[in-house]
């Protein structure tokens, strides 16, 4: 099977493959069940400029006959493990002409716009490498109506961040 990966990961994929086989897990789309496991076996030697992706090929055991030709799948592999990083829900991160940003709940219950730098993403979460600290409450809904200083009414306390390890 083959699948595309954003070309920004080209260097990381090459470095990781130089260390040996890259374990691969395949799932049904949209968070479905695991369909099989295997390894990335090949990195294509070109970047698709129209999509900004590189193509990887993997070999996955199909002894339970869960995979079919041309079937859509979600391929998951881990390039590296980051520890003690700030992770936010993907829906908290917005983009504008200056880059990535999010809103943090300030002590006076107002919105505080923060320019951020991001890292790896997956499972609906994004690593924030600069711009927000662990323990901050981030806005995950209604950002289009916000400006810095706008008072916020909290609908749920589930957006509290903690420093956590990422698998």
N, C-alpha and C. Protein backbone atom coordinates (compact mmCIF):
# COMPACT_ATOMS: atom_id res chain seq x y z
N UNK A 1 0.84 -1.16 0.00
CA UNK A 1 0.00 0.00 0.00
C UNK A 1 0.88 1.23 0.00
N UNK A 2 0.38 2.31 -0.56
CA UNK A 2 1.13 3.56 -0.55
C UNK A 2 0.22 4.66 -0.02
N UNK A 3 0.84 5.69 0.55
CA UNK A 3 0.07 6.78 1.13
C UNK A 3 0.92 8.04 1.14
N UNK A 4 0.25 9.21 1.06
CA UNK A 4 0.98 10.48 1.05
C UNK A 4 1.23 10.99 2.47
N UNK A 5 2.32 11.74 2.60
CA UNK A 5 2.68 12.39 3.86
C UNK A 5 3.14 13.80 3.50
N UNK A 6 2.78 14.83 4.28
CA UNK A 6 3.24 16.18 3.97
C UNK A 6 4.76 16.24 3.83
N UNK A 7 5.23 16.96 2.81
CA UNK A 7 6.67 16.99 2.53
C UNK A 7 7.50 17.64 3.63
N UNK A 8 6.87 18.35 4.56
CA UNK A 8 7.63 18.94 5.67
C UNK A 8 8.25 17.85 6.57
N UNK A 9 7.77 16.61 6.43
CA UNK A 9 8.30 15.50 7.22
C UNK A 9 9.38 14.70 6.47
N UNK A 10 9.76 15.13 5.28
CA UNK A 10 10.72 14.38 4.48
C UNK A 10 12.01 14.09 5.23
N UNK A 11 12.62 15.11 5.79
CA UNK A 11 13.88 14.93 6.51
C UNK A 11 13.72 13.98 7.70
N UNK A 12 12.64 14.15 8.46
CA UNK A 12 12.39 13.29 9.62
C UNK A 12 12.18 11.83 9.19
N UNK A 13 11.43 11.62 8.12
CA UNK A 13 11.18 10.26 7.63
C UNK A 13 12.49 9.62 7.18
N UNK A 14 13.30 10.38 6.44
CA UNK A 14 14.58 9.83 5.96
C UNK A 14 15.48 9.45 7.14
N UNK A 15 15.56 10.33 8.14
CA UNK A 15 16.40 10.04 9.31
C UNK A 15 15.89 8.81 10.04
N UNK A 16 14.58 8.71 10.22
CA UNK A 16 14.00 7.59 10.96
C UNK A 16 14.19 6.27 10.21
N UNK A 17 14.00 6.29 8.89
CA UNK A 17 14.18 5.07 8.09
C UNK A 17 15.63 4.61 8.08
N UNK A 18 16.57 5.54 8.24
CA UNK A 18 17.99 5.17 8.29
C UNK A 18 18.31 4.34 9.53
N UNK A 19 17.46 4.44 10.56
CA UNK A 19 17.66 3.68 11.79
C UNK A 19 17.09 2.26 11.72
N UNK A 20 16.25 2.01 10.71
CA UNK A 20 15.65 0.70 10.58
C UNK A 20 14.19 0.80 10.22
N UNK A 21 13.49 -0.32 10.20
CA UNK A 21 12.08 -0.33 9.81
C UNK A 21 11.25 0.61 10.67
N UNK A 22 10.30 1.25 10.02
CA UNK A 22 9.40 2.18 10.69
C UNK A 22 8.05 1.49 10.86
N UNK A 23 7.71 1.11 12.12
CA UNK A 23 6.44 0.41 12.34
C UNK A 23 5.24 1.21 11.84
N UNK A 24 4.26 0.51 11.30
CA UNK A 24 3.10 1.12 10.68
C UNK A 24 1.84 0.43 11.18
N UNK A 25 0.83 1.22 11.50
CA UNK A 25 -0.49 0.70 11.87
C UNK A 25 -1.50 1.28 10.90
N UNK A 26 -2.45 0.46 10.49
CA UNK A 26 -3.45 0.88 9.51
C UNK A 26 -4.83 0.75 10.14
N UNK A 27 -5.63 1.83 10.00
CA UNK A 27 -6.96 1.88 10.59
C UNK A 27 -8.00 2.19 9.52
N UNK A 28 -9.23 1.82 9.80
CA UNK A 28 -10.34 2.25 8.96
C UNK A 28 -10.45 3.77 9.11
N UNK A 29 -10.86 4.48 8.07
CA UNK A 29 -10.93 5.95 8.13
C UNK A 29 -11.82 6.46 9.26
N UNK A 30 -11.47 7.65 9.75
CA UNK A 30 -12.30 8.32 10.75
C UNK A 30 -12.27 7.70 12.12
N UNK A 31 -11.17 7.11 12.50
CA UNK A 31 -11.07 6.53 13.84
C UNK A 31 -11.64 5.14 13.95
N UNK A 32 -11.73 4.46 12.84
CA UNK A 32 -12.25 3.09 12.84
C UNK A 32 -11.28 2.10 13.46
N UNK A 33 -11.62 0.83 13.41
CA UNK A 33 -10.79 -0.21 14.04
C UNK A 33 -9.46 -0.41 13.31
N UNK A 34 -8.49 -0.96 14.03
CA UNK A 34 -7.21 -1.29 13.41
C UNK A 34 -7.42 -2.42 12.43
N UNK A 35 -6.86 -2.24 11.21
CA UNK A 35 -7.01 -3.23 10.16
C UNK A 35 -5.77 -4.10 9.99
N UNK A 36 -4.62 -3.62 10.46
CA UNK A 36 -3.40 -4.39 10.32
C UNK A 36 -2.19 -3.62 10.77
N UNK A 37 -1.06 -4.33 10.89
CA UNK A 37 0.21 -3.72 11.26
C UNK A 37 1.27 -4.16 10.27
N UNK A 38 2.32 -3.38 10.18
CA UNK A 38 3.40 -3.71 9.27
C UNK A 38 4.53 -2.72 9.43
N UNK A 39 5.15 -2.35 8.31
CA UNK A 39 6.28 -1.43 8.36
C UNK A 39 6.33 -0.62 7.06
N UNK A 40 6.83 0.62 7.18
CA UNK A 40 7.09 1.43 6.00
C UNK A 40 8.29 0.80 5.31
N UNK A 41 8.15 0.52 4.02
CA UNK A 41 9.20 -0.18 3.31
C UNK A 41 9.94 0.67 2.29
N UNK A 42 9.35 1.81 1.89
CA UNK A 42 9.96 2.59 0.83
C UNK A 42 9.52 4.05 0.92
N UNK A 43 10.46 4.93 0.67
CA UNK A 43 10.20 6.37 0.57
C UNK A 43 10.42 6.73 -0.89
N UNK A 44 9.38 7.27 -1.54
CA UNK A 44 9.51 7.67 -2.94
C UNK A 44 10.60 8.73 -3.07
N UNK A 45 11.22 8.82 -4.24
CA UNK A 45 12.35 9.72 -4.39
C UNK A 45 11.99 11.08 -4.96
N UNK A 46 10.72 11.48 -4.87
CA UNK A 46 10.33 12.80 -5.34
C UNK A 46 9.20 13.37 -4.49
N UNK A 47 9.09 14.69 -4.57
CA UNK A 47 8.01 15.40 -3.89
C UNK A 47 6.97 15.76 -4.94
N UNK A 48 5.71 15.52 -4.65
CA UNK A 48 4.63 15.92 -5.56
C UNK A 48 4.36 17.40 -5.31
N UNK A 49 4.83 18.26 -6.20
CA UNK A 49 4.69 19.71 -6.01
C UNK A 49 3.25 20.19 -6.06
N UNK A 50 2.37 19.45 -6.73
CA UNK A 50 0.97 19.88 -6.80
C UNK A 50 0.24 19.68 -5.48
N UNK A 51 0.69 18.71 -4.67
CA UNK A 51 0.04 18.45 -3.38
C UNK A 51 0.93 18.74 -2.18
N UNK A 52 2.24 18.92 -2.42
CA UNK A 52 3.17 19.16 -1.32
C UNK A 52 3.36 17.92 -0.45
N UNK A 53 3.33 16.75 -1.10
CA UNK A 53 3.45 15.50 -0.33
C UNK A 53 4.56 14.63 -0.88
N UNK A 54 5.00 13.71 -0.03
CA UNK A 54 5.90 12.63 -0.43
C UNK A 54 5.08 11.35 -0.32
N UNK A 55 5.46 10.32 -1.04
CA UNK A 55 4.72 9.07 -1.01
C UNK A 55 5.55 8.01 -0.30
N UNK A 56 4.93 7.37 0.67
CA UNK A 56 5.56 6.25 1.38
C UNK A 56 4.83 4.98 0.97
N UNK A 57 5.56 3.89 1.00
CA UNK A 57 4.95 2.59 0.74
C UNK A 57 5.18 1.70 1.95
N UNK A 58 4.16 0.94 2.28
CA UNK A 58 4.26 0.06 3.43
C UNK A 58 3.79 -1.33 3.10
N UNK A 59 4.28 -2.27 3.89
CA UNK A 59 3.85 -3.66 3.78
C UNK A 59 3.10 -3.97 5.07
N UNK A 60 1.86 -4.42 4.92
CA UNK A 60 1.01 -4.71 6.07
C UNK A 60 0.45 -6.12 5.92
N UNK A 61 0.54 -6.87 6.99
CA UNK A 61 -0.04 -8.22 6.99
C UNK A 61 -1.55 -8.12 6.82
N UNK A 62 -2.10 -8.98 5.98
CA UNK A 62 -3.55 -8.97 5.75
C UNK A 62 -4.12 -10.37 5.95
N UNK A 63 -3.58 -11.08 6.95
CA UNK A 63 -3.99 -12.46 7.12
C UNK A 63 -5.46 -12.61 7.54
N UNK A 64 -6.08 -11.53 8.06
CA UNK A 64 -7.50 -11.59 8.44
C UNK A 64 -8.40 -11.04 7.33
N UNK A 65 -7.80 -10.69 6.19
CA UNK A 65 -8.54 -10.21 5.01
C UNK A 65 -9.41 -8.99 5.32
N UNK A 66 -8.83 -8.02 6.03
CA UNK A 66 -9.56 -6.79 6.35
C UNK A 66 -9.27 -5.67 5.36
N UNK A 67 -8.20 -5.83 4.58
CA UNK A 67 -7.80 -4.80 3.62
C UNK A 67 -8.13 -5.24 2.20
N UNK A 68 -8.60 -4.27 1.39
CA UNK A 68 -8.97 -4.55 0.01
C UNK A 68 -8.28 -3.56 -0.92
N UNK A 69 -8.01 -3.95 -2.17
CA UNK A 69 -7.37 -3.03 -3.11
C UNK A 69 -8.15 -1.71 -3.23
N UNK A 70 -7.42 -0.60 -3.23
CA UNK A 70 -7.96 0.76 -3.38
C UNK A 70 -8.82 1.21 -2.19
N UNK A 71 -8.80 0.48 -1.10
CA UNK A 71 -9.56 0.85 0.09
C UNK A 71 -8.92 2.07 0.75
N UNK A 72 -9.74 3.00 1.23
CA UNK A 72 -9.23 4.14 1.99
C UNK A 72 -8.84 3.69 3.38
N UNK A 73 -7.70 4.17 3.85
CA UNK A 73 -7.21 3.79 5.18
C UNK A 73 -6.58 5.01 5.85
N UNK A 74 -6.40 4.94 7.14
CA UNK A 74 -5.59 5.90 7.88
C UNK A 74 -4.32 5.16 8.29
N UNK A 75 -3.17 5.63 7.81
CA UNK A 75 -1.89 5.02 8.14
C UNK A 75 -1.25 5.83 9.26
N UNK A 76 -0.76 5.15 10.29
CA UNK A 76 -0.18 5.82 11.45
C UNK A 76 1.20 5.24 11.74
N UNK A 77 2.17 6.15 11.87
CA UNK A 77 3.52 5.75 12.28
C UNK A 77 4.08 6.85 13.15
N UNK A 78 5.05 6.51 14.00
CA UNK A 78 5.64 7.46 14.93
C UNK A 78 7.08 7.73 14.52
N UNK A 79 7.38 8.99 14.22
CA UNK A 79 8.74 9.37 13.84
C UNK A 79 9.61 9.61 15.06
N UNK A 80 9.04 10.21 16.08
CA UNK A 80 9.79 10.50 17.31
C UNK A 80 8.81 10.68 18.45
N UNK A 81 9.31 10.59 19.65
CA UNK A 81 8.49 10.82 20.84
C UNK A 81 8.97 12.08 21.52
N UNK A 82 8.05 13.01 21.73
CA UNK A 82 8.37 14.25 22.41
C UNK A 82 7.81 14.18 23.83
N UNK A 83 8.60 14.56 24.79
CA UNK A 83 8.15 14.53 26.18
C UNK A 83 8.08 15.94 26.73
N UNK A 84 7.18 16.14 27.67
CA UNK A 84 7.02 17.41 28.37
C UNK A 84 6.76 18.55 27.39
N UNK A 85 5.76 18.37 26.55
CA UNK A 85 5.38 19.38 25.59
C UNK A 85 3.95 19.84 25.88
N UNK A 86 3.60 21.00 25.36
CA UNK A 86 2.23 21.50 25.48
C UNK A 86 1.45 21.03 24.26
N UNK A 87 0.32 20.40 24.51
CA UNK A 87 -0.53 19.88 23.45
C UNK A 87 -1.90 20.54 23.58
N UNK A 88 -2.43 21.03 22.45
CA UNK A 88 -3.76 21.66 22.45
C UNK A 88 -4.65 20.95 21.45
N UNK A 89 -5.96 21.06 21.64
CA UNK A 89 -6.87 20.50 20.63
C UNK A 89 -6.67 21.22 19.29
N UNK A 90 -6.74 20.49 18.21
CA UNK A 90 -6.52 21.06 16.88
C UNK A 90 -7.47 22.23 16.59
N UNK A 91 -8.70 22.15 17.08
CA UNK A 91 -9.68 23.19 16.80
C UNK A 91 -9.35 24.52 17.50
N UNK A 92 -8.41 24.53 18.45
CA UNK A 92 -8.01 25.77 19.11
C UNK A 92 -7.09 26.61 18.23
N UNK A 93 -6.37 25.96 17.31
CA UNK A 93 -5.36 26.65 16.50
C UNK A 93 -6.00 27.22 15.24
N UNK A 94 -5.76 28.50 15.01
CA UNK A 94 -6.27 29.22 13.85
C UNK A 94 -5.09 29.73 13.03
N UNK A 95 -5.34 30.13 11.79
CA UNK A 95 -4.29 30.67 10.92
C UNK A 95 -4.73 32.04 10.41
N UNK A 96 -3.78 32.97 10.31
CA UNK A 96 -4.01 34.23 9.63
C UNK A 96 -2.77 34.55 8.80
N UNK A 97 -2.71 35.75 8.25
CA UNK A 97 -1.58 36.10 7.38
C UNK A 97 -0.24 36.11 8.10
N UNK A 98 -0.25 36.18 9.43
CA UNK A 98 1.00 36.17 10.21
C UNK A 98 1.35 34.79 10.75
N UNK A 99 0.50 33.80 10.52
CA UNK A 99 0.79 32.45 10.97
C UNK A 99 -0.23 31.91 11.94
N UNK A 100 0.20 30.94 12.74
CA UNK A 100 -0.70 30.25 13.67
C UNK A 100 -0.92 31.09 14.92
N UNK A 101 -2.14 31.00 15.46
CA UNK A 101 -2.47 31.68 16.71
C UNK A 101 -3.60 30.93 17.41
N UNK A 102 -3.79 31.27 18.67
CA UNK A 102 -4.94 30.78 19.41
C UNK A 102 -5.31 31.81 20.47
N UNK A 103 -6.47 31.62 21.08
CA UNK A 103 -6.90 32.49 22.16
C UNK A 103 -6.79 31.74 23.48
N UNK A 104 -6.22 32.43 24.46
CA UNK A 104 -6.08 31.90 25.81
C UNK A 104 -7.00 32.69 26.72
N UNK A 105 -7.59 32.04 27.70
CA UNK A 105 -8.42 32.72 28.69
C UNK A 105 -7.52 33.41 29.70
N UNK A 106 -7.61 34.75 29.76
CA UNK A 106 -6.80 35.53 30.69
C UNK A 106 -7.43 35.49 32.08
N UNK A 107 -6.69 35.97 33.08
CA UNK A 107 -7.19 35.95 34.47
C UNK A 107 -8.48 36.73 34.65
N UNK A 108 -8.68 37.79 33.86
CA UNK A 108 -9.89 38.60 33.98
C UNK A 108 -11.04 38.07 33.13
N UNK A 109 -10.93 36.79 32.71
CA UNK A 109 -11.95 36.11 31.90
C UNK A 109 -12.13 36.74 30.52
N UNK A 110 -11.04 37.30 29.97
CA UNK A 110 -11.09 37.86 28.62
C UNK A 110 -10.19 37.04 27.71
N UNK A 111 -10.38 37.23 26.41
CA UNK A 111 -9.58 36.52 25.41
C UNK A 111 -8.23 37.21 25.24
N UNK A 112 -7.18 36.40 25.18
CA UNK A 112 -5.83 36.91 24.96
C UNK A 112 -5.28 36.18 23.73
N UNK A 113 -5.13 36.90 22.61
CA UNK A 113 -4.63 36.31 21.38
C UNK A 113 -3.14 36.04 21.52
N UNK A 114 -2.72 34.82 21.18
CA UNK A 114 -1.31 34.42 21.26
C UNK A 114 -0.85 33.90 19.91
N UNK A 115 0.22 34.50 19.40
CA UNK A 115 0.89 33.93 18.22
C UNK A 115 1.66 32.72 18.72
N UNK A 116 1.58 31.63 17.98
CA UNK A 116 2.22 30.39 18.42
C UNK A 116 3.03 29.77 17.29
N UNK A 117 3.91 28.87 17.68
CA UNK A 117 4.61 28.00 16.75
C UNK A 117 4.16 26.59 17.07
N UNK A 118 3.93 25.81 16.03
CA UNK A 118 3.42 24.45 16.24
C UNK A 118 4.41 23.40 15.76
N UNK A 119 4.22 22.21 16.28
CA UNK A 119 5.04 21.07 15.89
C UNK A 119 4.17 19.98 15.32
N UNK A 120 4.43 18.77 15.73
CA UNK A 120 3.72 17.60 15.23
C UNK A 120 2.24 17.68 15.57
N UNK A 121 1.44 16.98 14.78
CA UNK A 121 0.02 16.90 15.05
C UNK A 121 -0.48 15.50 14.77
N UNK A 122 -1.54 15.15 15.45
CA UNK A 122 -2.16 13.84 15.27
C UNK A 122 -3.22 13.61 16.31
N UNK A 123 -4.14 12.73 16.01
CA UNK A 123 -5.23 12.40 16.93
C UNK A 123 -6.00 13.64 17.37
N UNK A 124 -6.14 14.63 16.48
CA UNK A 124 -6.91 15.82 16.80
C UNK A 124 -6.21 16.79 17.72
N UNK A 125 -4.89 16.62 17.90
CA UNK A 125 -4.13 17.50 18.79
C UNK A 125 -2.90 18.02 18.07
N UNK A 126 -2.39 19.17 18.54
CA UNK A 126 -1.20 19.79 17.96
C UNK A 126 -0.24 20.16 19.07
N UNK A 127 1.05 19.90 18.87
CA UNK A 127 2.09 20.33 19.80
C UNK A 127 2.34 21.81 19.58
N UNK A 128 2.34 22.60 20.66
CA UNK A 128 2.67 24.02 20.59
C UNK A 128 4.07 24.18 21.15
N UNK A 129 4.99 24.65 20.31
CA UNK A 129 6.39 24.76 20.71
C UNK A 129 6.73 26.14 21.28
N UNK A 130 5.88 27.14 21.01
CA UNK A 130 6.11 28.48 21.52
C UNK A 130 4.79 29.24 21.57
N UNK A 131 4.60 30.01 22.63
CA UNK A 131 3.47 30.93 22.67
C UNK A 131 2.40 30.64 23.70
N UNK A 132 2.39 29.45 24.27
CA UNK A 132 1.41 29.12 25.32
C UNK A 132 2.06 28.15 26.29
N UNK A 133 1.74 28.32 27.55
CA UNK A 133 2.33 27.49 28.59
C UNK A 133 1.35 26.43 29.07
N UNK A 134 1.90 25.38 29.65
CA UNK A 134 1.07 24.31 30.20
C UNK A 134 0.16 24.89 31.27
N UNK A 135 -1.06 24.40 31.31
CA UNK A 135 -2.03 24.85 32.30
C UNK A 135 -2.94 25.96 31.81
N UNK A 136 -2.65 26.52 30.64
CA UNK A 136 -3.49 27.59 30.09
C UNK A 136 -4.81 27.01 29.59
N UNK A 137 -5.86 27.81 29.68
CA UNK A 137 -7.15 27.43 29.11
C UNK A 137 -7.24 28.06 27.73
N UNK A 138 -7.53 27.24 26.72
CA UNK A 138 -7.60 27.74 25.35
C UNK A 138 -9.03 27.69 24.85
N UNK A 139 -9.34 28.59 23.91
CA UNK A 139 -10.67 28.65 23.31
C UNK A 139 -10.71 27.67 22.14
N UNK A 140 -11.73 26.81 22.13
CA UNK A 140 -11.85 25.82 21.05
C UNK A 140 -13.10 26.04 20.20
N UNK A 141 -13.90 27.06 20.52
CA UNK A 141 -15.11 27.31 19.74
C UNK A 141 -15.43 28.80 19.80
N UNK A 142 -15.87 29.36 18.69
CA UNK A 142 -16.29 30.76 18.66
C UNK A 142 -15.17 31.76 18.45
N UNK A 143 -14.00 31.31 17.97
CA UNK A 143 -12.85 32.20 17.80
C UNK A 143 -13.13 33.33 16.82
N UNK A 144 -13.98 33.10 15.82
CA UNK A 144 -14.23 34.14 14.81
C UNK A 144 -14.90 35.37 15.41
N UNK A 145 -15.55 35.24 16.55
CA UNK A 145 -16.21 36.38 17.19
C UNK A 145 -15.32 37.06 18.22
N UNK A 146 -14.10 36.57 18.39
CA UNK A 146 -13.23 37.10 19.45
C UNK A 146 -12.20 38.10 18.94
N UNK A 147 -11.84 38.98 19.84
CA UNK A 147 -10.69 39.88 19.69
C UNK A 147 -10.04 39.91 21.07
N UNK A 148 -8.77 40.28 21.13
CA UNK A 148 -8.11 40.39 22.44
C UNK A 148 -8.91 41.34 23.32
N UNK A 149 -9.16 40.91 24.54
CA UNK A 149 -9.91 41.71 25.50
C UNK A 149 -11.38 41.39 25.58
N UNK A 150 -11.92 40.64 24.61
CA UNK A 150 -13.32 40.25 24.65
C UNK A 150 -13.56 39.35 25.85
N UNK A 151 -14.62 39.63 26.63
CA UNK A 151 -14.96 38.79 27.78
C UNK A 151 -15.49 37.44 27.29
N UNK A 152 -15.11 36.38 28.00
CA UNK A 152 -15.46 35.02 27.60
C UNK A 152 -16.32 34.38 28.68
N UNK A 153 -17.34 33.67 28.24
CA UNK A 153 -18.15 32.86 29.13
C UNK A 153 -17.76 31.41 28.88
N UNK A 154 -17.35 30.72 29.93
CA UNK A 154 -16.88 29.34 29.79
C UNK A 154 -18.06 28.38 29.74
N UNK A 155 -18.10 27.58 28.67
CA UNK A 155 -19.16 26.59 28.52
C UNK A 155 -18.74 25.25 29.11
N UNK A 156 -17.43 24.96 29.11
CA UNK A 156 -16.92 23.70 29.61
C UNK A 156 -15.48 23.89 30.05
N UNK A 157 -15.07 23.20 31.08
CA UNK A 157 -13.70 23.32 31.59
C UNK A 157 -12.79 22.27 30.98
N UNK A 158 -13.20 21.60 29.90
CA UNK A 158 -12.41 20.52 29.32
C UNK A 158 -11.19 21.01 28.57
N UNK A 159 -11.04 22.29 28.32
CA UNK A 159 -9.93 22.77 27.49
C UNK A 159 -8.67 23.08 28.30
N UNK A 160 -8.64 22.77 29.58
CA UNK A 160 -7.44 23.04 30.39
C UNK A 160 -6.29 22.19 29.88
N UNK A 161 -5.13 22.82 29.74
CA UNK A 161 -3.95 22.13 29.23
C UNK A 161 -3.07 21.66 30.35
N UNK A 162 -2.38 20.59 30.09
CA UNK A 162 -1.36 20.13 31.01
C UNK A 162 -0.15 19.73 30.20
N UNK A 163 0.97 19.69 30.86
CA UNK A 163 2.17 19.20 30.20
C UNK A 163 2.04 17.68 30.20
N UNK A 164 2.16 17.09 29.03
CA UNK A 164 1.97 15.64 28.96
C UNK A 164 2.95 15.04 27.99
N UNK A 165 3.17 13.77 28.15
CA UNK A 165 4.02 13.05 27.21
C UNK A 165 3.17 12.63 26.03
N UNK A 166 3.77 12.58 24.86
CA UNK A 166 3.09 12.22 23.65
C UNK A 166 3.63 10.88 23.18
N UNK A 167 2.75 9.91 22.89
CA UNK A 167 3.24 8.60 22.46
C UNK A 167 3.94 8.67 21.12
